């Protein structure tokens, strides 16, 4: 999915926190504060890549 999450206002700061908590709980990964950026939250594909990279750790 390439819909720009931040640019189109589909996601705000509270939704980012909710999303991080969901991903951490659902996949058992740790998303560091430094990972919460426009790079990783630009679209669903970028979020999936972030989670995938954490699963490899």
C-alpha atoms as a PDB file:
ATOM      1  CA  UNK A   1       0.000   0.000   0.000  1.00  0.00           C
ATOM      2  CA  UNK A   2       1.476   3.329  -1.038  1.00  0.00           C
ATOM      3  CA  UNK A   3      -1.126   5.785   0.260  1.00  0.00           C
ATOM      4  CA  UNK A   4       0.849   8.512   2.055  1.00  0.00           C
ATOM      5  CA  UNK A   5      -0.299   8.250   5.667  1.00  0.00           C
ATOM      6  CA  UNK A   6       1.172  11.473   7.008  1.00  0.00           C
ATOM      7  CA  UNK A   7       0.808  13.689   3.958  1.00  0.00           C
ATOM      8  CA  UNK A   8      -2.879  12.957   3.531  1.00  0.00           C
ATOM      9  CA  UNK A   9      -3.620  13.277   7.273  1.00  0.00           C
ATOM     10  CA  UNK A  10      -4.760   9.676   7.544  1.00  0.00           C
ATOM     11  CA  UNK A  11      -2.710   9.355  10.720  1.00  0.00           C
ATOM     12  CA  UNK A  12      -2.000  11.847  13.515  1.00  0.00           C
ATOM     13  CA  UNK A  13       0.325  11.693  16.522  1.00  0.00           C
ATOM     14  CA  UNK A  14      -2.131   9.755  18.688  1.00  0.00           C
ATOM     15  CA  UNK A  15      -2.722   7.279  15.884  1.00  0.00           C
ATOM     16  CA  UNK A  16       1.046   6.840  15.542  1.00  0.00           C
ATOM     17  CA  UNK A  17       1.307   5.897  19.220  1.00  0.00           C
ATOM     18  CA  UNK A  18      -1.632   3.502  18.879  1.00  0.00           C
ATOM     19  CA  UNK A  19      -0.078   1.970  15.781  1.00  0.00           C
ATOM     20  CA  UNK A  20       3.294   1.475  17.472  1.00  0.00           C
ATOM     21  CA  UNK A  21       1.664  -0.189  20.477  1.00  0.00           C
ATOM     22  CA  UNK A  22      -0.428  -2.416  18.224  1.00  0.00           C
ATOM     23  CA  UNK A  23       2.574  -3.496  16.147  1.00  0.00           C
ATOM     24  CA  UNK A  24       4.669  -4.184  19.241  1.00  0.00           C
ATOM     25  CA  UNK A  25       1.929  -6.287  20.833  1.00  0.00           C
ATOM     26  CA  UNK A  26       0.803  -8.048  17.674  1.00  0.00           C
ATOM     27  CA  UNK A  27       4.250  -8.999  16.384  1.00  0.00           C
ATOM     28  CA  UNK A  28       6.316  -9.031  19.566  1.00  0.00           C
ATOM     29  CA  UNK A  29       8.741  -6.440  18.248  1.00  0.00           C
ATOM     30  CA  UNK A  30      10.257  -3.359  19.848  1.00  0.00           C
ATOM     31  CA  UNK A  31       9.952  -0.129  17.902  1.00  0.00           C
ATOM     32  CA  UNK A  32      12.425   2.419  19.197  1.00  0.00           C
ATOM     33  CA  UNK A  33      11.581   6.073  19.575  1.00  0.00           C
ATOM     34  CA  UNK A  34      14.088   6.910  16.818  1.00  0.00           C
ATOM     35  CA  UNK A  35      12.102   4.678  14.426  1.00  0.00           C
ATOM     36  CA  UNK A  36       9.007   6.835  14.780  1.00  0.00           C
ATOM     37  CA  UNK A  37       9.575   9.064  11.793  1.00  0.00           C
ATOM     38  CA  UNK A  38       8.108  10.079   8.497  1.00  0.00           C
ATOM     39  CA  UNK A  39      10.326   7.520   6.805  1.00  0.00           C
ATOM     40  CA  UNK A  40       8.710   4.561   8.547  1.00  0.00           C
ATOM     41  CA  UNK A  41       5.210   6.030   8.675  1.00  0.00           C
ATOM     42  CA  UNK A  42       5.054   7.274   5.099  1.00  0.00           C
ATOM     43  CA  UNK A  43       2.806   4.354   4.065  1.00  0.00           C
ATOM     44  CA  UNK A  44       1.725   0.837   5.028  1.00  0.00           C
ATOM     45  CA  UNK A  45       4.552  -0.736   3.040  1.00  0.00           C
ATOM     46  CA  UNK A  46       7.141   1.241   5.013  1.00  0.00           C
ATOM     47  CA  UNK A  47       5.534   0.134   8.290  1.00  0.00           C
ATOM     48  CA  UNK A  48       5.587  -3.488   7.144  1.00  0.00           C
ATOM     49  CA  UNK A  49       9.271  -3.177   6.251  1.00  0.00           C
ATOM     50  CA  UNK A  50       9.990  -1.740   9.706  1.00  0.00           C
ATOM     51  CA  UNK A  51       8.225  -4.630  11.443  1.00  0.00           C
ATOM     52  CA  UNK A  52       9.925  -7.153   9.171  1.00  0.00           C
ATOM     53  CA  UNK A  53      13.340  -5.697   9.993  1.00  0.00           C
ATOM     54  CA  UNK A  54      12.582  -5.975  13.723  1.00  0.00           C
ATOM     55  CA  UNK A  55      11.468  -9.592  13.375  1.00  0.00           C
ATOM     56  CA  UNK A  56      14.935 -10.444  12.060  1.00  0.00           C
ATOM     57  CA  UNK A  57      16.625  -9.177  15.251  1.00  0.00           C
END
